């Protein structure tokens, strides 16, 4: 069977097409994203603007053209924080369902965190030690604590990068004072996480989705490109000193300078500085010793969940 997953994120609408094999295995045929910026100009007012509405509609249209080319039998479409936290999110979903004859699941922050974990555990090997998983989105950030025995704790925070960008509208380049304000805001909104980290003491951070994919590609670009053995790897260990150099480059960069940075996806140019401030804050706050990027997250988690439930 051939299956497609469309993940309607706040910043990008992502697509994964897979062939289902035996024993709950699957082969990835196609994996791509379209920049939509669904939360731009409205997320903190709890609305999807008409412009974002239109960008979302066009992205779904493009993804469905791709799906048709691949002769897909089953389509699963999910919507996350950019839809669930807005007053006209239901209206947006209903419009897409009517126009494209789709069934769209609006998933909760808790469900999103669980799917992220199910994706990450396929890409990264867990051991006895507790690890902290972080998925940075446009509308929300999910934190999960897990080890080889399974998921221990999860929470979704409305601290996505579209929200922070809209809230702080930083200078170009961002100033030291602005960084301090952003960090203070992050700090004041993570109380449940502090309690969980206090209880479970993770020292490894596993980052997934666009921000960490970008860190991986930028660090590898600096090193002269992607080696063959890493090109198709589902995870990548990021050296903390490599990340710190990248972080310093990002926080002192202007928008124009970032446009010329190798490995930086254009759809993340505005948000990558705030995303790196967030990651750097977490690394320092929890004295993280190991950083790993996972190429798998919510889409792969959804495939895993469907296959394991069916069998």
C-alpha atoms as a PDB file:
ATOM      1  CA  UNK A   1       0.000   0.000   0.000  1.00  0.00           C
ATOM      2  CA  UNK A   2       1.148   3.531  -0.738  1.00  0.00           C
ATOM      3  CA  UNK A   3       0.435   6.193   1.872  1.00  0.00           C
ATOM      4  CA  UNK A   4       0.867   9.982   2.065  1.00  0.00           C
ATOM      5  CA  UNK A   5       1.079  12.078   5.208  1.00  0.00           C
ATOM      6  CA  UNK A   6       0.472  15.831   5.018  1.00  0.00           C
ATOM      7  CA  UNK A   7       1.563  17.690   8.146  1.00  0.00           C
ATOM      8  CA  UNK A   8       0.082  21.197   8.184  1.00  0.00           C
ATOM      9  CA  UNK A   9       2.550  23.042  10.401  1.00  0.00           C
ATOM     10  CA  UNK A  10       2.506  26.720  11.347  1.00  0.00           C
ATOM     11  CA  UNK A  11       5.534  27.559   9.213  1.00  0.00           C
ATOM     12  CA  UNK A  12       5.606  24.797   6.600  1.00  0.00           C
ATOM     13  CA  UNK A  13       3.192  22.248   5.144  1.00  0.00           C
ATOM     14  CA  UNK A  14       5.154  18.993   4.950  1.00  0.00           C
ATOM     15  CA  UNK A  15       4.564  15.858   2.908  1.00  0.00           C
ATOM     16  CA  UNK A  16       5.814  12.288   3.237  1.00  0.00           C
ATOM     17  CA  UNK A  17       4.960   9.514   0.774  1.00  0.00           C
ATOM     18  CA  UNK A  18       5.786   5.919   1.715  1.00  0.00           C
ATOM     19  CA  UNK A  19       5.357   2.381   0.469  1.00  0.00           C
ATOM     20  CA  UNK A  20       4.171   0.086   3.254  1.00  0.00           C
ATOM     21  CA  UNK A  21       6.217  -3.128   3.423  1.00  0.00           C
ATOM     22  CA  UNK A  22       5.937  -6.263   5.562  1.00  0.00           C
ATOM     23  CA  UNK A  23       6.345  -6.327   9.363  1.00  0.00           C
ATOM     24  CA  UNK A  24       5.354  -2.664   9.907  1.00  0.00           C
ATOM     25  CA  UNK A  25       8.274  -1.474   7.779  1.00  0.00           C
ATOM     26  CA  UNK A  26       8.023   1.240   5.149  1.00  0.00           C
ATOM     27  CA  UNK A  27      10.092   2.782   2.388  1.00  0.00           C
ATOM     28  CA  UNK A  28      10.225   6.568   1.954  1.00  0.00           C
ATOM     29  CA  UNK A  29       9.522   7.567  -1.652  1.00  0.00           C
ATOM     30  CA  UNK A  30       9.162  11.335  -1.282  1.00  0.00           C
ATOM     31  CA  UNK A  31       9.707  13.886   1.468  1.00  0.00           C
ATOM     32  CA  UNK A  32       9.275  17.630   0.970  1.00  0.00           C
ATOM     33  CA  UNK A  33       7.887  20.846   2.419  1.00  0.00           C
ATOM     34  CA  UNK A  34       6.317  24.095   1.243  1.00  0.00           C
ATOM     35  CA  UNK A  35       6.776  27.335   3.172  1.00  0.00           C
ATOM     36  CA  UNK A  36       3.317  28.628   4.120  1.00  0.00           C
ATOM     37  CA  UNK A  37       3.827  30.865   7.197  1.00  0.00           C
ATOM     38  CA  UNK A  38       0.277  30.113   8.295  1.00  0.00           C
ATOM     39  CA  UNK A  39       0.763  32.023  11.545  1.00  0.00           C
ATOM     40  CA  UNK A  40       2.293  35.158  10.013  1.00  0.00           C
ATOM     41  CA  UNK A  41       0.525  38.347  11.033  1.00  0.00           C
ATOM     42  CA  UNK A  42      -2.165  36.640  13.078  1.00  0.00           C
ATOM     43  CA  UNK A  43      -1.019  33.881  15.410  1.00  0.00           C
ATOM     44  CA  UNK A  44      -0.866  35.989  18.581  1.00  0.00           C
ATOM     45  CA  UNK A  45      -4.321  37.385  17.751  1.00  0.00           C
ATOM     46  CA  UNK A  46      -5.576  33.821  17.263  1.00  0.00           C
ATOM     47  CA  UNK A  47      -6.423  34.229  13.586  1.00  0.00           C
ATOM     48  CA  UNK A  48      -5.285  32.898  10.234  1.00  0.00           C
ATOM     49  CA  UNK A  49      -5.066  35.961   7.980  1.00  0.00           C
ATOM     50  CA  UNK A  50      -6.672  35.878   4.492  1.00  0.00           C
ATOM     51  CA  UNK A  51      -3.170  35.915   2.933  1.00  0.00           C
ATOM     52  CA  UNK A  52      -2.050  32.935   5.051  1.00  0.00           C
ATOM     53  CA  UNK A  53      -5.354  31.182   4.294  1.00  0.00           C
ATOM     54  CA  UNK A  54      -4.582  31.497   0.586  1.00  0.00           C
ATOM     55  CA  UNK A  55      -0.950  30.338   0.978  1.00  0.00           C
ATOM     56  CA  UNK A  56      -2.173  27.263   2.850  1.00  0.00           C
ATOM     57  CA  UNK A  57      -4.741  26.470   0.191  1.00  0.00           C
ATOM     58  CA  UNK A  58      -2.140  26.705  -2.588  1.00  0.00           C
ATOM     59  CA  UNK A  59       0.304  24.494  -0.663  1.00  0.00           C
ATOM     60  CA  UNK A  60      -2.302  21.748  -0.218  1.00  0.00           C
ATOM     61  CA  UNK A  61      -3.133  21.996  -3.921  1.00  0.00           C
ATOM     62  CA  UNK A  62       0.563  21.460  -4.813  1.00  0.00           C
ATOM     63  CA  UNK A  63       0.928  18.545  -2.412  1.00  0.00           C
ATOM     64  CA  UNK A  64      -2.149  16.856  -3.876  1.00  0.00           C
ATOM     65  CA  UNK A  65      -0.701  17.170  -7.391  1.00  0.00           C
ATOM     66  CA  UNK A  66       2.412  15.354  -6.116  1.00  0.00           C
ATOM     67  CA  UNK A  67       0.269  12.705  -4.413  1.00  0.00           C
ATOM     68  CA  UNK A  68      -1.596  12.069  -7.678  1.00  0.00           C
ATOM     69  CA  UNK A  69       1.696  11.476  -9.509  1.00  0.00           C
ATOM     70  CA  UNK A  70       2.648   8.829  -6.950  1.00  0.00           C
ATOM     71  CA  UNK A  71      -0.693   7.004  -7.208  1.00  0.00           C
ATOM     72  CA  UNK A  72      -1.268   7.113  -3.448  1.00  0.00           C
ATOM     73  CA  UNK A  73      -4.021   4.941  -1.922  1.00  0.00           C
ATOM     74  CA  UNK A  74      -4.365   6.570   1.511  1.00  0.00           C
ATOM     75  CA  UNK A  75      -3.922  10.224   2.559  1.00  0.00           C
ATOM     76  CA  UNK A  76      -3.639  11.280   6.204  1.00  0.00           C
ATOM     77  CA  UNK A  77      -3.661  15.012   6.869  1.00  0.00           C
ATOM     78  CA  UNK A  78      -2.942  16.568  10.254  1.00  0.00           C
ATOM     79  CA  UNK A  79      -3.089  20.165  11.469  1.00  0.00           C
ATOM     80  CA  UNK A  80      -1.182  21.429  14.502  1.00  0.00           C
ATOM     81  CA  UNK A  81      -0.805  24.651  16.548  1.00  0.00           C
ATOM     82  CA  UNK A  82      -1.288  27.066  13.642  1.00  0.00           C
ATOM     83  CA  UNK A  83      -4.825  25.708  13.290  1.00  0.00           C
ATOM     84  CA  UNK A  84      -5.783  24.473  16.766  1.00  0.00           C
ATOM     85  CA  UNK A  85      -4.900  27.751  18.514  1.00  0.00           C
ATOM     86  CA  UNK A  86      -6.755  30.050  16.098  1.00  0.00           C
ATOM     87  CA  UNK A  87     -10.404  31.095  16.171  1.00  0.00           C
ATOM     88  CA  UNK A  88     -10.872  30.521  12.437  1.00  0.00           C
ATOM     89  CA  UNK A  89      -8.775  27.338  12.307  1.00  0.00           C
ATOM     90  CA  UNK A  90     -11.889  25.150  12.017  1.00  0.00           C
ATOM     91  CA  UNK A  91     -13.164  27.352   9.181  1.00  0.00           C
ATOM     92  CA  UNK A  92      -9.803  26.938   7.396  1.00  0.00           C
ATOM     93  CA  UNK A  93      -9.891  23.157   7.800  1.00  0.00           C
ATOM     94  CA  UNK A  94     -13.515  22.940   6.636  1.00  0.00           C
ATOM     95  CA  UNK A  95     -12.676  24.988   3.535  1.00  0.00           C
ATOM     96  CA  UNK A  96      -9.774  22.667   2.655  1.00  0.00           C
ATOM     97  CA  UNK A  97     -11.896  19.569   3.285  1.00  0.00           C
ATOM     98  CA  UNK A  98     -14.649  20.876   1.005  1.00  0.00           C
ATOM     99  CA  UNK A  99     -12.383  22.105  -1.814  1.00  0.00           C
ATOM    100  CA  UNK A 100     -10.048  19.095  -1.887  1.00  0.00           C
ATOM    101  CA  UNK A 101     -12.283  16.347  -0.487  1.00  0.00           C
ATOM    102  CA  UNK A 102      -9.867  15.729   2.398  1.00  0.00           C
ATOM    103  CA  UNK A 103     -10.330  14.571   5.980  1.00  0.00           C
ATOM    104  CA  UNK A 104      -8.107  16.663   8.265  1.00  0.00           C
ATOM    105  CA  UNK A 105      -7.302  15.742  11.876  1.00  0.00           C
ATOM    106  CA  UNK A 106      -6.643  18.695  14.192  1.00  0.00           C
ATOM    107  CA  UNK A 107      -4.311  17.167  16.755  1.00  0.00           C
ATOM    108  CA  UNK A 108      -3.754  18.374  20.313  1.00  0.00           C
ATOM    109  CA  UNK A 109      -0.367  19.397  21.702  1.00  0.00           C
ATOM    110  CA  UNK A 110      -0.239  16.130  23.658  1.00  0.00           C
ATOM    111  CA  UNK A 111      -0.972  14.053  20.547  1.00  0.00           C
ATOM    112  CA  UNK A 112       1.626  16.042  18.625  1.00  0.00           C
ATOM    113  CA  UNK A 113       4.259  15.311  21.288  1.00  0.00           C
ATOM    114  CA  UNK A 114       3.443  11.594  21.199  1.00  0.00           C
ATOM    115  CA  UNK A 115       3.713  11.448  17.391  1.00  0.00           C
ATOM    116  CA  UNK A 116       7.047  13.289  17.542  1.00  0.00           C
ATOM    117  CA  UNK A 117       8.346  10.691  20.004  1.00  0.00           C
ATOM    118  CA  UNK A 118       7.144   7.841  17.750  1.00  0.00           C
ATOM    119  CA  UNK A 119       9.015   9.458  14.851  1.00  0.00           C
ATOM    120  CA  UNK A 120      12.227  10.153  16.764  1.00  0.00           C
ATOM    121  CA  UNK A 121      12.486   6.651  18.231  1.00  0.00           C
ATOM    122  CA  UNK A 122      12.748   5.271  14.672  1.00  0.00           C
ATOM    123  CA  UNK A 123      15.732   7.516  13.916  1.00  0.00           C
ATOM    124  CA  UNK A 124      17.643   7.672  17.210  1.00  0.00           C
ATOM    125  CA  UNK A 125      18.628   4.761  19.437  1.00  0.00           C
ATOM    126  CA  UNK A 126      17.693   5.330  23.078  1.00  0.00           C
ATOM    127  CA  UNK A 127      19.543   3.779  26.016  1.00  0.00           C
ATOM    128  CA  UNK A 128      18.973   3.593  29.793  1.00  0.00           C
ATOM    129  CA  UNK A 129      19.653   7.313  30.211  1.00  0.00           C
ATOM    130  CA  UNK A 130      16.797   9.775  29.900  1.00  0.00           C
ATOM    131  CA  UNK A 131      16.896  12.036  26.839  1.00  0.00           C
ATOM    132  CA  UNK A 132      15.097  15.324  26.244  1.00  0.00           C
ATOM    133  CA  UNK A 133      13.427  15.622  22.825  1.00  0.00           C
ATOM    134  CA  UNK A 134      12.664  19.087  21.439  1.00  0.00           C
ATOM    135  CA  UNK A 135      10.601  19.887  18.358  1.00  0.00           C
ATOM    136  CA  UNK A 136      10.624  23.607  17.562  1.00  0.00           C
ATOM    137  CA  UNK A 137       7.611  24.684  15.555  1.00  0.00           C
ATOM    138  CA  UNK A 138       6.079  27.927  14.409  1.00  0.00           C
ATOM    139  CA  UNK A 139       3.138  27.817  16.814  1.00  0.00           C
ATOM    140  CA  UNK A 140       4.280  25.455  19.559  1.00  0.00           C
ATOM    141  CA  UNK A 141       7.358  23.668  20.867  1.00  0.00           C
ATOM    142  CA  UNK A 142       7.055  20.101  22.114  1.00  0.00           C
ATOM    143  CA  UNK A 143       9.286  18.692  24.844  1.00  0.00           C
ATOM    144  CA  UNK A 144       9.401  14.963  25.542  1.00  0.00           C
ATOM    145  CA  UNK A 145      11.495  12.967  28.011  1.00  0.00           C
ATOM    146  CA  UNK A 146      12.106   9.339  27.030  1.00  0.00           C
ATOM    147  CA  UNK A 147      14.511   6.416  27.288  1.00  0.00           C
ATOM    148  CA  UNK A 148      14.718   2.909  25.783  1.00  0.00           C
ATOM    149  CA  UNK A 149      11.769   1.810  27.935  1.00  0.00           C
ATOM    150  CA  UNK A 150       9.486   4.410  26.355  1.00  0.00           C
ATOM    151  CA  UNK A 151       7.978   7.863  26.752  1.00  0.00           C
ATOM    152  CA  UNK A 152       8.186   9.239  30.307  1.00  0.00           C
ATOM    153  CA  UNK A 153       6.846  12.803  30.070  1.00  0.00           C
ATOM    154  CA  UNK A 154       5.567  15.171  27.378  1.00  0.00           C
ATOM    155  CA  UNK A 155       4.288  18.736  27.130  1.00  0.00           C
ATOM    156  CA  UNK A 156       3.443  21.230  24.387  1.00  0.00           C
ATOM    157  CA  UNK A 157       4.283  24.908  24.963  1.00  0.00           C
ATOM    158  CA  UNK A 158       2.854  27.812  22.942  1.00  0.00           C
ATOM    159  CA  UNK A 159       6.357  29.197  22.379  1.00  0.00           C
ATOM    160  CA  UNK A 160       6.739  28.627  18.636  1.00  0.00           C
ATOM    161  CA  UNK A 161       9.016  30.829  16.579  1.00  0.00           C
ATOM    162  CA  UNK A 162       6.208  32.564  14.660  1.00  0.00           C
ATOM    163  CA  UNK A 163       4.802  33.663  18.031  1.00  0.00           C
ATOM    164  CA  UNK A 164       8.171  34.908  19.290  1.00  0.00           C
ATOM    165  CA  UNK A 165       8.933  36.718  16.032  1.00  0.00           C
ATOM    166  CA  UNK A 166       5.544  38.445  16.141  1.00  0.00           C
ATOM    167  CA  UNK A 167       5.888  39.258  19.840  1.00  0.00           C
ATOM    168  CA  UNK A 168       9.441  40.638  19.856  1.00  0.00           C
ATOM    169  CA  UNK A 169       9.992  41.797  16.252  1.00  0.00           C
ATOM    170  CA  UNK A 170      13.772  41.973  16.880  1.00  0.00           C
ATOM    171  CA  UNK A 171      16.248  44.393  15.303  1.00  0.00           C
ATOM    172  CA  UNK A 172      18.429  43.383  12.372  1.00  0.00           C
ATOM    173  CA  UNK A 173      20.793  42.094  13.718  1.00  0.00           C
ATOM    174  CA  UNK A 174      19.231  41.257  17.083  1.00  0.00           C
ATOM    175  CA  UNK A 175      20.677  43.196  20.046  1.00  0.00           C
ATOM    176  CA  UNK A 176      22.061  41.768  23.310  1.00  0.00           C
ATOM    177  CA  UNK A 177      19.213  43.436  25.209  1.00  0.00           C
ATOM    178  CA  UNK A 178      16.629  41.832  22.916  1.00  0.00           C
ATOM    179  CA  UNK A 179      18.228  38.401  23.409  1.00  0.00           C
ATOM    180  CA  UNK A 180      17.965  38.921  27.172  1.00  0.00           C
ATOM    181  CA  UNK A 181      14.252  39.807  26.868  1.00  0.00           C
ATOM    182  CA  UNK A 182      13.549  36.742  24.713  1.00  0.00           C
ATOM    183  CA  UNK A 183      15.366  34.481  27.194  1.00  0.00           C
ATOM    184  CA  UNK A 184      13.460  35.986  30.127  1.00  0.00           C
ATOM    185  CA  UNK A 185      10.190  35.324  28.320  1.00  0.00           C
ATOM    186  CA  UNK A 186      11.165  31.720  27.529  1.00  0.00           C
ATOM    187  CA  UNK A 187      12.304  31.213  31.124  1.00  0.00           C
ATOM    188  CA  UNK A 188       8.999  32.455  32.552  1.00  0.00           C
ATOM    189  CA  UNK A 189       6.949  30.053  30.416  1.00  0.00           C
ATOM    190  CA  UNK A 190       8.693  26.715  30.972  1.00  0.00           C
ATOM    191  CA  UNK A 191       7.792  25.875  34.593  1.00  0.00           C
ATOM    192  CA  UNK A 192       6.363  22.371  33.840  1.00  0.00           C
ATOM    193  CA  UNK A 193       9.567  21.534  31.939  1.00  0.00           C
ATOM    194  CA  UNK A 194      11.766  22.619  34.848  1.00  0.00           C
ATOM    195  CA  UNK A 195       9.850  20.315  37.172  1.00  0.00           C
ATOM    196  CA  UNK A 196      10.189  17.378  34.750  1.00  0.00           C
ATOM    197  CA  UNK A 197      13.911  17.943  34.153  1.00  0.00           C
ATOM    198  CA  UNK A 198      14.384  18.193  37.921  1.00  0.00           C
ATOM    199  CA  UNK A 199      12.757  14.774  38.271  1.00  0.00           C
ATOM    200  CA  UNK A 200      14.356  12.965  35.319  1.00  0.00           C
ATOM    201  CA  UNK A 201      17.725  14.752  34.744  1.00  0.00           C
ATOM    202  CA  UNK A 202      18.252  14.303  30.977  1.00  0.00           C
ATOM    203  CA  UNK A 203      21.718  15.271  29.705  1.00  0.00           C
ATOM    204  CA  UNK A 204      21.124  14.463  26.035  1.00  0.00           C
ATOM    205  CA  UNK A 205      19.056  16.726  23.769  1.00  0.00           C
ATOM    206  CA  UNK A 206      17.493  15.268  20.622  1.00  0.00           C
ATOM    207  CA  UNK A 207      16.272  17.987  18.288  1.00  0.00           C
ATOM    208  CA  UNK A 208      13.895  17.350  15.398  1.00  0.00           C
ATOM    209  CA  UNK A 209      12.086  19.221  12.610  1.00  0.00           C
ATOM    210  CA  UNK A 210      13.123  22.291  10.631  1.00  0.00           C
ATOM    211  CA  UNK A 211      15.371  24.109  13.105  1.00  0.00           C
ATOM    212  CA  UNK A 212      17.609  21.125  13.787  1.00  0.00           C
ATOM    213  CA  UNK A 213      17.555  19.978  10.149  1.00  0.00           C
ATOM    214  CA  UNK A 214      18.851  23.466   9.337  1.00  0.00           C
ATOM    215  CA  UNK A 215      21.565  23.290  12.010  1.00  0.00           C
ATOM    216  CA  UNK A 216      22.691  19.976  10.517  1.00  0.00           C
ATOM    217  CA  UNK A 217      22.828  21.276   6.937  1.00  0.00           C
ATOM    218  CA  UNK A 218      24.574  24.536   7.931  1.00  0.00           C
ATOM    219  CA  UNK A 219      27.219  22.782  10.038  1.00  0.00           C
ATOM    220  CA  UNK A 220      27.876  20.218   7.297  1.00  0.00           C
ATOM    221  CA  UNK A 221      28.070  22.991   4.672  1.00  0.00           C
ATOM    222  CA  UNK A 222      30.761  24.688   6.783  1.00  0.00           C
ATOM    223  CA  UNK A 223      32.663  21.412   6.868  1.00  0.00           C
ATOM    224  CA  UNK A 224      32.669  21.251   3.077  1.00  0.00           C
ATOM    225  CA  UNK A 225      29.467  19.391   2.274  1.00  0.00           C
ATOM    226  CA  UNK A 226      27.632  16.226   3.220  1.00  0.00           C
ATOM    227  CA  UNK A 227      29.717  13.015   3.322  1.00  0.00           C
ATOM    228  CA  UNK A 228      28.110   9.988   1.628  1.00  0.00           C
ATOM    229  CA  UNK A 229      27.726   8.083   4.900  1.00  0.00           C
ATOM    230  CA  UNK A 230      25.694  10.970   6.392  1.00  0.00           C
ATOM    231  CA  UNK A 231      23.646  11.969   3.332  1.00  0.00           C
ATOM    232  CA  UNK A 232      20.868   9.443   3.943  1.00  0.00           C
ATOM    233  CA  UNK A 233      21.288   9.099   7.703  1.00  0.00           C
ATOM    234  CA  UNK A 234      18.139   9.578   9.806  1.00  0.00           C
ATOM    235  CA  UNK A 235      20.088  11.224  12.624  1.00  0.00           C
ATOM    236  CA  UNK A 236      23.252  13.245  13.083  1.00  0.00           C
ATOM    237  CA  UNK A 237      25.316  13.896  16.234  1.00  0.00           C
ATOM    238  CA  UNK A 238      25.951  17.652  16.417  1.00  0.00           C
ATOM    239  CA  UNK A 239      29.140  18.579  18.274  1.00  0.00           C
ATOM    240  CA  UNK A 240      28.334  21.240  20.855  1.00  0.00           C
ATOM    241  CA  UNK A 241      31.344  23.346  19.849  1.00  0.00           C
ATOM    242  CA  UNK A 242      30.159  23.282  16.194  1.00  0.00           C
ATOM    243  CA  UNK A 243      26.713  24.387  17.328  1.00  0.00           C
ATOM    244  CA  UNK A 244      28.133  27.177  19.519  1.00  0.00           C
ATOM    245  CA  UNK A 245      30.113  28.591  16.569  1.00  0.00           C
ATOM    246  CA  UNK A 246      26.976  28.475  14.407  1.00  0.00           C
ATOM    247  CA  UNK A 247      24.910  30.117  17.163  1.00  0.00           C
ATOM    248  CA  UNK A 248      27.387  33.008  17.458  1.00  0.00           C
ATOM    249  CA  UNK A 249      27.319  33.476  13.674  1.00  0.00           C
ATOM    250  CA  UNK A 250      23.516  33.520  13.645  1.00  0.00           C
ATOM    251  CA  UNK A 251      22.945  35.999  16.469  1.00  0.00           C
ATOM    252  CA  UNK A 252      25.325  38.566  14.973  1.00  0.00           C
ATOM    253  CA  UNK A 253      23.987  38.124  11.408  1.00  0.00           C
ATOM    254  CA  UNK A 254      21.669  40.398   9.459  1.00  0.00           C
ATOM    255  CA  UNK A 255      18.832  39.087   7.295  1.00  0.00           C
ATOM    256  CA  UNK A 256      20.867  39.832   4.156  1.00  0.00           C
ATOM    257  CA  UNK A 257      23.882  37.958   5.535  1.00  0.00           C
ATOM    258  CA  UNK A 258      21.719  34.954   6.366  1.00  0.00           C
ATOM    259  CA  UNK A 259      20.451  34.853   2.781  1.00  0.00           C
ATOM    260  CA  UNK A 260      24.015  33.996   1.745  1.00  0.00           C
ATOM    261  CA  UNK A 261      24.641  31.350   4.425  1.00  0.00           C
ATOM    262  CA  UNK A 262      25.052  27.866   2.970  1.00  0.00           C
ATOM    263  CA  UNK A 263      22.618  25.245   4.183  1.00  0.00           C
ATOM    264  CA  UNK A 264      20.062  27.761   5.488  1.00  0.00           C
ATOM    265  CA  UNK A 265      16.617  27.140   4.042  1.00  0.00           C
ATOM    266  CA  UNK A 266      15.028  30.406   2.872  1.00  0.00           C
ATOM    267  CA  UNK A 267      11.770  29.642   4.721  1.00  0.00           C
ATOM    268  CA  UNK A 268      13.702  29.751   8.047  1.00  0.00           C
ATOM    269  CA  UNK A 269      15.741  32.912   7.463  1.00  0.00           C
ATOM    270  CA  UNK A 270      13.562  35.117   9.682  1.00  0.00           C
ATOM    271  CA  UNK A 271      13.073  32.614  12.511  1.00  0.00           C
ATOM    272  CA  UNK A 272      16.398  30.780  12.775  1.00  0.00           C
ATOM    273  CA  UNK A 273      17.971  33.385  15.087  1.00  0.00           C
ATOM    274  CA  UNK A 274      15.165  33.111  17.652  1.00  0.00           C
ATOM    275  CA  UNK A 275      15.181  29.322  17.280  1.00  0.00           C
ATOM    276  CA  UNK A 276      18.901  29.220  18.031  1.00  0.00           C
ATOM    277  CA  UNK A 277      18.429  31.501  21.053  1.00  0.00           C
ATOM    278  CA  UNK A 278      15.814  29.024  22.301  1.00  0.00           C
ATOM    279  CA  UNK A 279      18.082  25.988  21.780  1.00  0.00           C
ATOM    280  CA  UNK A 280      21.110  27.716  23.282  1.00  0.00           C
ATOM    281  CA  UNK A 281      19.028  28.663  26.328  1.00  0.00           C
ATOM    282  CA  UNK A 282      17.927  25.029  26.835  1.00  0.00           C
ATOM    283  CA  UNK A 283      21.477  23.669  26.426  1.00  0.00           C
ATOM    284  CA  UNK A 284      22.847  26.093  29.028  1.00  0.00           C
ATOM    285  CA  UNK A 285      19.893  25.839  31.414  1.00  0.00           C
ATOM    286  CA  UNK A 286      20.017  22.043  31.643  1.00  0.00           C
ATOM    287  CA  UNK A 287      23.768  21.585  31.173  1.00  0.00           C
ATOM    288  CA  UNK A 288      23.184  19.426  28.082  1.00  0.00           C
ATOM    289  CA  UNK A 289      26.250  17.330  27.178  1.00  0.00           C
ATOM    290  CA  UNK A 290      25.113  15.629  23.961  1.00  0.00           C
ATOM    291  CA  UNK A 291      23.139  17.079  21.027  1.00  0.00           C
ATOM    292  CA  UNK A 292      21.639  14.875  18.298  1.00  0.00           C
ATOM    293  CA  UNK A 293      19.490  15.784  15.307  1.00  0.00           C
ATOM    294  CA  UNK A 294      16.641  13.488  14.283  1.00  0.00           C
ATOM    295  CA  UNK A 295      15.420  13.658  10.683  1.00  0.00           C
ATOM    296  CA  UNK A 296      12.202  11.932  11.766  1.00  0.00           C
ATOM    297  CA  UNK A 297       9.385  13.599  13.688  1.00  0.00           C
ATOM    298  CA  UNK A 298       5.604  13.913  13.426  1.00  0.00           C
ATOM    299  CA  UNK A 299       5.062  12.523   9.884  1.00  0.00           C
ATOM    300  CA  UNK A 300       7.137   9.403  10.494  1.00  0.00           C
ATOM    301  CA  UNK A 301       5.466   9.037  13.886  1.00  0.00           C
ATOM    302  CA  UNK A 302       2.069   9.052  12.209  1.00  0.00           C
ATOM    303  CA  UNK A 303       3.153   6.332   9.752  1.00  0.00           C
ATOM    304  CA  UNK A 304       4.459   4.229  12.655  1.00  0.00           C
ATOM    305  CA  UNK A 305       1.243   4.702  14.632  1.00  0.00           C
ATOM    306  CA  UNK A 306      -0.976   3.736  11.683  1.00  0.00           C
ATOM    307  CA  UNK A 307       1.075   0.617  10.913  1.00  0.00           C
ATOM    308  CA  UNK A 308       1.257  -0.602  14.504  1.00  0.00           C
ATOM    309  CA  UNK A 309      -2.451   0.021  15.156  1.00  0.00           C
ATOM    310  CA  UNK A 310      -3.403  -1.848  11.962  1.00  0.00           C
ATOM    311  CA  UNK A 311      -1.359  -4.839  13.042  1.00  0.00           C
END
